[in-house]
Protein backbone atom coordinates (compact mmCIF):
# COMPACT_ATOMS: atom_id res chain seq x y z
CA MET A 1 1.55 10.81 -10.55
CA ILE A 2 3.59 7.74 -11.75
CA VAL A 3 2.32 5.17 -14.44
CA HIS A 4 3.91 1.86 -14.03
CA CYS A 5 3.12 -0.03 -17.23
CA ASP A 6 3.94 -3.40 -18.94
CA GLY A 7 2.55 -5.21 -22.06
CA ALA A 8 3.40 -8.65 -23.43
CA SER A 9 2.55 -11.22 -26.00
CA ARG A 10 2.93 -14.87 -26.03
CA GLY A 11 4.52 -15.22 -29.49
CA ASN A 12 5.28 -12.28 -31.63
CA PRO A 13 2.44 -11.72 -32.62
CA GLY A 14 0.29 -13.65 -30.12
CA PRO A 15 -2.11 -13.46 -27.63
CA ALA A 16 -1.28 -10.23 -25.70
CA GLY A 17 -2.17 -8.32 -22.59
CA ILE A 18 -1.49 -5.17 -20.73
CA GLY A 19 -1.21 -3.83 -17.21
CA ALA A 20 -0.79 -0.42 -15.75
CA GLN A 21 -0.77 0.94 -12.26
CA ILE A 22 -1.17 4.69 -11.41
CA THR A 23 0.20 5.84 -8.10
CA ASP A 24 0.90 9.18 -6.46
CA ASP A 25 4.38 10.13 -5.34
CA ASP A 26 3.90 8.46 -2.13
CA GLY A 27 3.04 5.17 -3.71
CA THR A 28 -0.61 5.14 -3.01
CA VAL A 29 -2.46 3.28 -5.86
CA LEU A 30 -4.90 5.52 -7.56
CA ALA A 31 -5.95 3.06 -10.44
CA GLU A 32 -4.94 -0.21 -11.95
CA ILE A 33 -5.66 -1.47 -15.49
CA ALA A 34 -5.35 -5.22 -16.72
CA ARG A 35 -6.80 -6.35 -19.85
CA GLY A 36 -6.22 -8.68 -22.86
CA LEU A 37 -5.60 -7.32 -26.31
CA GLY A 38 -6.34 -10.25 -28.53
CA ILE A 39 -3.55 -10.80 -31.04
CA ALA A 40 -0.68 -8.06 -30.89
CA THR A 41 2.96 -7.89 -31.10
CA ASN A 42 4.99 -7.45 -27.85
CA ASN A 43 5.76 -3.81 -29.04
CA GLN A 44 2.13 -3.16 -29.57
CA ALA A 45 1.16 -4.27 -26.21
CA GLU A 46 3.90 -2.24 -24.50
CA TYR A 47 2.69 0.89 -26.33
CA THR A 48 -0.95 0.18 -25.40
CA ALA A 49 -0.04 -0.21 -21.73
CA VAL A 50 1.50 3.29 -21.74
CA ILE A 51 -1.13 4.98 -23.53
CA GLU A 52 -3.84 3.48 -21.38
CA GLY A 53 -1.89 4.34 -18.32
CA LEU A 54 -1.61 7.89 -19.32
CA ARG A 55 -5.15 8.23 -20.47
CA ARG A 56 -6.15 7.20 -17.10
CA ALA A 57 -3.73 9.46 -15.23
CA ARG A 58 -5.22 12.29 -17.26
CA GLU A 59 -8.72 11.33 -16.24
CA LEU A 60 -7.52 11.42 -12.46
CA GLY A 61 -6.27 15.07 -13.01
CA ALA A 62 -2.52 14.56 -13.63
CA THR A 63 -0.67 17.47 -14.83
CA GLU A 64 2.72 15.75 -14.55
CA VAL A 65 3.36 12.32 -15.11
CA THR A 66 6.50 9.82 -14.67
CA VAL A 67 6.28 6.63 -16.85
CA ARG A 68 8.07 3.56 -15.43
CA SER A 69 8.57 0.82 -17.82
CA ASP A 70 10.81 -2.32 -18.44
CA SER A 71 10.72 -1.85 -22.08
CA LYS A 72 13.94 -0.24 -23.12
CA LEU A 73 12.64 0.25 -26.61
CA LEU A 74 9.66 2.09 -25.21
CA VAL A 75 11.61 4.30 -22.79
CA GLU A 76 14.24 5.03 -25.47
CA GLN A 77 11.65 5.95 -28.06
CA LEU A 78 9.51 8.09 -25.72
CA SER A 79 12.58 10.00 -24.66
CA GLY A 80 13.70 10.53 -28.14
CA ARG A 81 17.04 8.64 -28.04
CA PHE A 82 15.67 6.00 -30.36
CA ARG A 83 13.78 6.87 -33.40
CA VAL A 84 10.50 4.94 -34.20
CA LYS A 85 10.89 2.91 -37.25
CA ASN A 86 7.32 1.38 -37.24
CA ALA A 87 4.63 3.91 -38.10
CA THR A 88 1.94 2.06 -36.25
CA LEU A 89 3.74 2.61 -32.96
C-alpha cells in the first residue's frame, strides 16, 4: 500500500489539520483521512498525518507500506538521514 500524507498549520503553532490517502499499488483509493488537530506546529501535523495514515494502512491489512510526503524533514528523519532533535516528534 501507499500512504500519501500531509499536515499543515496556519501559524507555527496555529490551527492545524492533516490529510492522508491510502492506495494500492495500482492507485485505487482504499481509505482517506481528513481532520483538524486544533493548535499544533507544522511538524506535529506532518507527523500526525503519517502516523494516522500508517495506522489505517495496518487496519486494512498492509504488510508493506510506501510513504509519500512533501515534507523533507519528515522523509529525512524517517529514513534515518536526519536525526530527530525534538523528543515529542
